[in-house]
Amino acid sequence: MIKKIFFFLTIILFSSGCQEDPYPKPYGYPRLYLPNAGYEKWISNCNVSFRKPIVSQIENVQKDSCFFNLSYPSLNAKVHCSYIPVNNQLKEIIDQEYKLREKHNQFSTNVKERVYHNEIKNVHALLFHISGTQAATPLQFFITDSINHFFRGTLYFNTSPNNDSLATAINFIRTDIDTLVESFEWR
């Protein structure tokens, strides 16, 4: 009998003494299943063509305008794109792009610029990779021929910014934007 009481007391002591105080668990980030990369040539009625990711869709913002979105429904993201004729105002347009990027600098920890030139196609681009957990747009770019044409794009996610959790999707779309820029042609 004493053995049974000792056995039950031992079990009670071990089971009650090993509990920790409860505390909230950190949020986990959902796992992203990235689609397979693939590209197709896309020709717009706005004097441009490029290799568009197959997983993306073109959404026209306004009918018969040169403002459109490269939409990624599975990633809940859009690249807002626009074509602007230069009309001898290239400096003003580029200054406007830098002002737009500067608005995001207050939330960024680092901005990396990548320059791309293709003299044969007359394509000159500047890509901005913006780091920081609260940066609203992690990628921006513009492309010009320095005379007549200007094309810009900005990546936005349809969620509050937390680029740590979006890093996989950002890197996936960054590859697509690099392909877009490298395949870009003026018509």
Protein backbone atom coordinates (compact mmCIF):
# COMPACT_ATOMS: atom_id res chain seq x y z
CA MET A 1 0.00 0.00 0.00
CA ILE A 2 2.81 2.38 0.88
CA LYS A 3 4.42 1.53 -2.44
CA LYS A 4 1.23 2.53 -4.28
CA ILE A 5 0.98 5.85 -2.41
CA PHE A 6 4.66 6.56 -3.04
CA PHE A 7 4.19 5.70 -6.75
CA PHE A 8 1.18 8.08 -7.14
CA LEU A 9 2.96 10.87 -5.26
CA THR A 10 5.97 10.48 -7.50
CA ILE A 11 3.82 10.71 -10.62
CA ILE A 12 1.99 13.78 -9.30
CA LEU A 13 5.26 15.52 -8.40
CA PHE A 14 6.83 14.83 -11.80
CA SER A 15 3.78 15.85 -13.78
CA SER A 16 3.10 19.09 -11.88
CA GLY A 17 6.68 20.25 -11.47
CA CYS A 18 7.66 20.23 -15.15
CA GLN A 19 5.25 22.87 -16.45
CA GLU A 20 6.56 26.22 -17.60
CA ASP A 21 4.65 29.47 -17.43
CA PRO A 22 2.59 29.94 -20.60
CA TYR A 23 3.71 32.63 -23.02
CA PRO A 24 2.47 33.67 -26.46
CA LYS A 25 4.09 31.94 -29.39
CA PRO A 26 5.53 34.09 -32.19
CA TYR A 27 3.60 34.27 -35.44
CA GLY A 28 4.78 31.97 -38.17
CA TYR A 29 4.89 32.93 -41.81
CA PRO A 30 2.95 30.90 -44.33
CA ARG A 31 4.93 28.73 -46.67
CA LEU A 32 4.91 30.01 -50.23
CA TYR A 33 4.64 27.59 -53.08
CA LEU A 34 6.34 29.38 -55.94
CA PRO A 35 5.19 28.65 -59.47
CA ASN A 36 7.61 27.41 -62.11
CA ALA A 37 9.43 30.20 -63.90
CA GLY A 38 8.67 30.63 -67.58
CA TYR A 39 8.38 33.57 -69.93
CA GLU A 40 6.54 34.63 -73.08
CA LYS A 41 7.06 37.64 -75.31
CA TRP A 42 4.54 40.41 -74.69
CA ILE A 43 4.04 43.35 -77.04
CA SER A 44 2.14 46.38 -75.81
CA ASN A 45 0.51 49.11 -77.83
CA CYS A 46 2.74 51.55 -75.93
CA ASN A 47 5.98 51.18 -77.91
CA VAL A 48 7.46 48.44 -75.70
CA SER A 49 7.90 44.69 -75.66
CA PHE A 50 9.51 42.32 -73.17
CA ARG A 51 9.47 38.77 -71.87
CA LYS A 52 6.59 38.53 -69.42
CA PRO A 53 6.42 35.85 -66.73
CA ILE A 54 3.85 33.20 -67.67
CA VAL A 55 2.50 33.17 -64.10
CA SER A 56 1.66 36.89 -64.29
CA GLN A 57 -1.28 38.61 -65.91
CA ILE A 58 -1.50 42.02 -67.57
CA GLU A 59 -4.18 44.25 -66.04
CA ASN A 60 -4.91 47.49 -67.84
CA VAL A 61 -5.48 50.33 -65.39
CA GLN A 62 -7.22 52.52 -67.93
CA LYS A 63 -8.49 51.55 -71.34
CA ASP A 64 -6.19 52.72 -74.14
CA SER A 65 -3.57 54.01 -71.70
CA CYS A 66 0.02 53.05 -71.09
CA PHE A 67 -0.55 52.31 -67.40
CA PHE A 68 -0.87 48.64 -66.57
CA ASN A 69 -0.12 46.16 -63.82
CA LEU A 70 1.87 42.97 -64.06
CA SER A 71 -0.21 40.98 -61.59
CA TYR A 72 0.89 37.90 -59.63
CA PRO A 73 -2.38 36.52 -58.18
CA SER A 74 -0.74 33.56 -56.44
CA LEU A 75 1.70 35.88 -54.64
CA ASN A 76 -0.81 38.70 -54.01
CA ALA A 77 1.53 41.16 -55.72
CA LYS A 78 1.53 43.63 -58.60
CA VAL A 79 4.21 45.48 -60.52
CA HIS A 80 2.71 48.86 -61.41
CA CYS A 81 4.08 49.80 -64.84
CA SER A 82 3.79 52.93 -66.93
CA TYR A 83 5.17 54.21 -70.20
CA ILE A 84 5.81 57.93 -70.51
CA PRO A 85 6.93 59.76 -73.66
CA VAL A 86 9.94 61.90 -72.80
CA ASN A 87 9.11 65.08 -74.79
CA ASN A 88 12.45 66.70 -73.90
CA GLN A 89 11.78 66.31 -70.16
CA LEU A 90 14.01 63.36 -69.29
CA LYS A 91 15.74 65.13 -66.41
CA GLU A 92 12.42 66.09 -64.80
CA ILE A 93 11.06 62.55 -65.18
CA ILE A 94 14.18 60.97 -63.65
CA ASP A 95 14.14 63.53 -60.82
CA GLN A 96 10.53 62.53 -60.13
CA GLU A 97 11.60 58.86 -59.95
CA TYR A 98 14.30 59.67 -57.42
CA LYS A 99 11.82 61.66 -55.32
CA LEU A 100 9.48 58.67 -55.35
CA ARG A 101 12.30 56.41 -54.22
CA GLU A 102 13.32 58.89 -51.51
CA LYS A 103 9.83 58.62 -49.98
CA HIS A 104 10.58 54.96 -49.29
CA ASN A 105 14.07 55.62 -47.86
CA GLN A 106 12.71 56.53 -44.43
CA PHE A 107 11.54 52.92 -44.07
CA SER A 108 14.52 51.26 -45.73
CA THR A 109 17.77 50.05 -44.26
CA ASN A 110 19.61 49.81 -47.57
CA VAL A 111 19.08 50.66 -51.24
CA LYS A 112 21.12 48.82 -53.84
CA GLU A 113 21.20 50.20 -57.35
CA ARG A 114 21.91 48.06 -60.38
CA VAL A 115 22.63 49.64 -63.74
CA TYR A 116 21.84 47.87 -67.00
CA HIS A 117 22.88 49.01 -70.49
CA ASN A 118 22.19 47.44 -73.86
CA GLU A 119 23.59 49.74 -76.53
CA ILE A 120 22.31 47.56 -79.40
CA LYS A 121 18.68 47.83 -78.22
CA ASN A 122 19.21 51.36 -76.88
CA VAL A 123 17.96 50.27 -73.45
CA HIS A 124 19.34 51.89 -70.30
CA ALA A 125 17.90 50.87 -66.94
CA LEU A 126 18.36 51.48 -63.27
CA LEU A 127 16.95 49.01 -60.74
CA PHE A 128 16.51 49.78 -57.05
CA HIS A 129 16.49 46.91 -54.54
CA ILE A 130 15.12 48.42 -51.33
CA SER A 131 15.77 46.53 -48.07
CA GLY A 132 13.93 47.05 -44.82
CA THR A 133 11.12 45.26 -43.05
CA GLN A 134 8.68 48.17 -43.45
CA ALA A 135 9.57 49.37 -46.97
CA ALA A 136 6.33 49.63 -48.96
CA THR A 137 8.00 48.70 -52.22
CA PRO A 138 11.03 46.41 -52.27
CA LEU A 139 11.72 46.85 -56.01
CA GLN A 140 11.58 49.83 -58.34
CA PHE A 141 13.07 50.31 -61.79
CA PHE A 142 13.05 52.59 -64.78
CA ILE A 143 14.15 52.12 -68.37
CA THR A 144 14.84 54.78 -70.97
CA ASP A 145 16.42 55.29 -74.37
CA SER A 146 17.52 58.78 -73.17
CA ILE A 147 15.69 60.50 -76.04
CA ASN A 148 12.05 59.52 -76.61
CA HIS A 149 10.90 56.81 -74.21
CA PHE A 150 10.63 56.21 -70.47
CA PHE A 151 9.22 53.10 -68.76
CA ARG A 152 8.93 52.56 -65.02
CA GLY A 153 7.80 49.81 -62.67
CA THR A 154 7.24 49.43 -58.93
CA LEU A 155 6.48 46.25 -56.99
CA TYR A 156 3.72 46.31 -54.39
CA PHE A 157 2.22 43.52 -52.31
CA ASN A 158 -1.46 43.66 -51.35
CA THR A 159 -0.59 43.29 -47.68
CA SER A 160 1.03 45.39 -44.99
CA PRO A 161 4.78 45.47 -45.54
CA ASN A 162 6.91 42.95 -43.71
CA ASN A 163 9.65 42.15 -46.16
CA ASP A 164 11.15 39.49 -43.91
CA SER A 165 8.13 37.28 -44.49
CA LEU A 166 7.92 38.29 -48.16
CA ALA A 167 11.60 37.66 -48.95
CA THR A 168 10.95 34.49 -50.94
CA ALA A 169 8.31 36.17 -53.11
CA ILE A 170 10.45 39.30 -53.52
CA ASN A 171 13.41 37.26 -54.76
CA PHE A 172 11.15 35.34 -57.15
CA ILE A 173 9.72 38.55 -58.65
CA ARG A 174 13.18 40.18 -58.69
CA THR A 175 14.31 37.45 -61.10
CA ASP A 176 11.27 38.17 -63.29
CA ILE A 177 12.01 41.91 -63.29
CA ASP A 178 15.64 41.25 -64.20
CA THR A 179 14.39 39.15 -67.15
CA LEU A 180 11.93 41.89 -68.12
CA VAL A 181 14.69 44.51 -68.17
CA GLU A 182 17.19 42.33 -70.04
CA SER A 183 14.62 41.41 -72.72
CA PHE A 184 13.13 44.92 -73.03
CA GLU A 185 12.85 46.48 -76.48
CA TRP A 186 11.46 49.72 -77.84
CA ARG A 187 9.14 49.39 -80.83
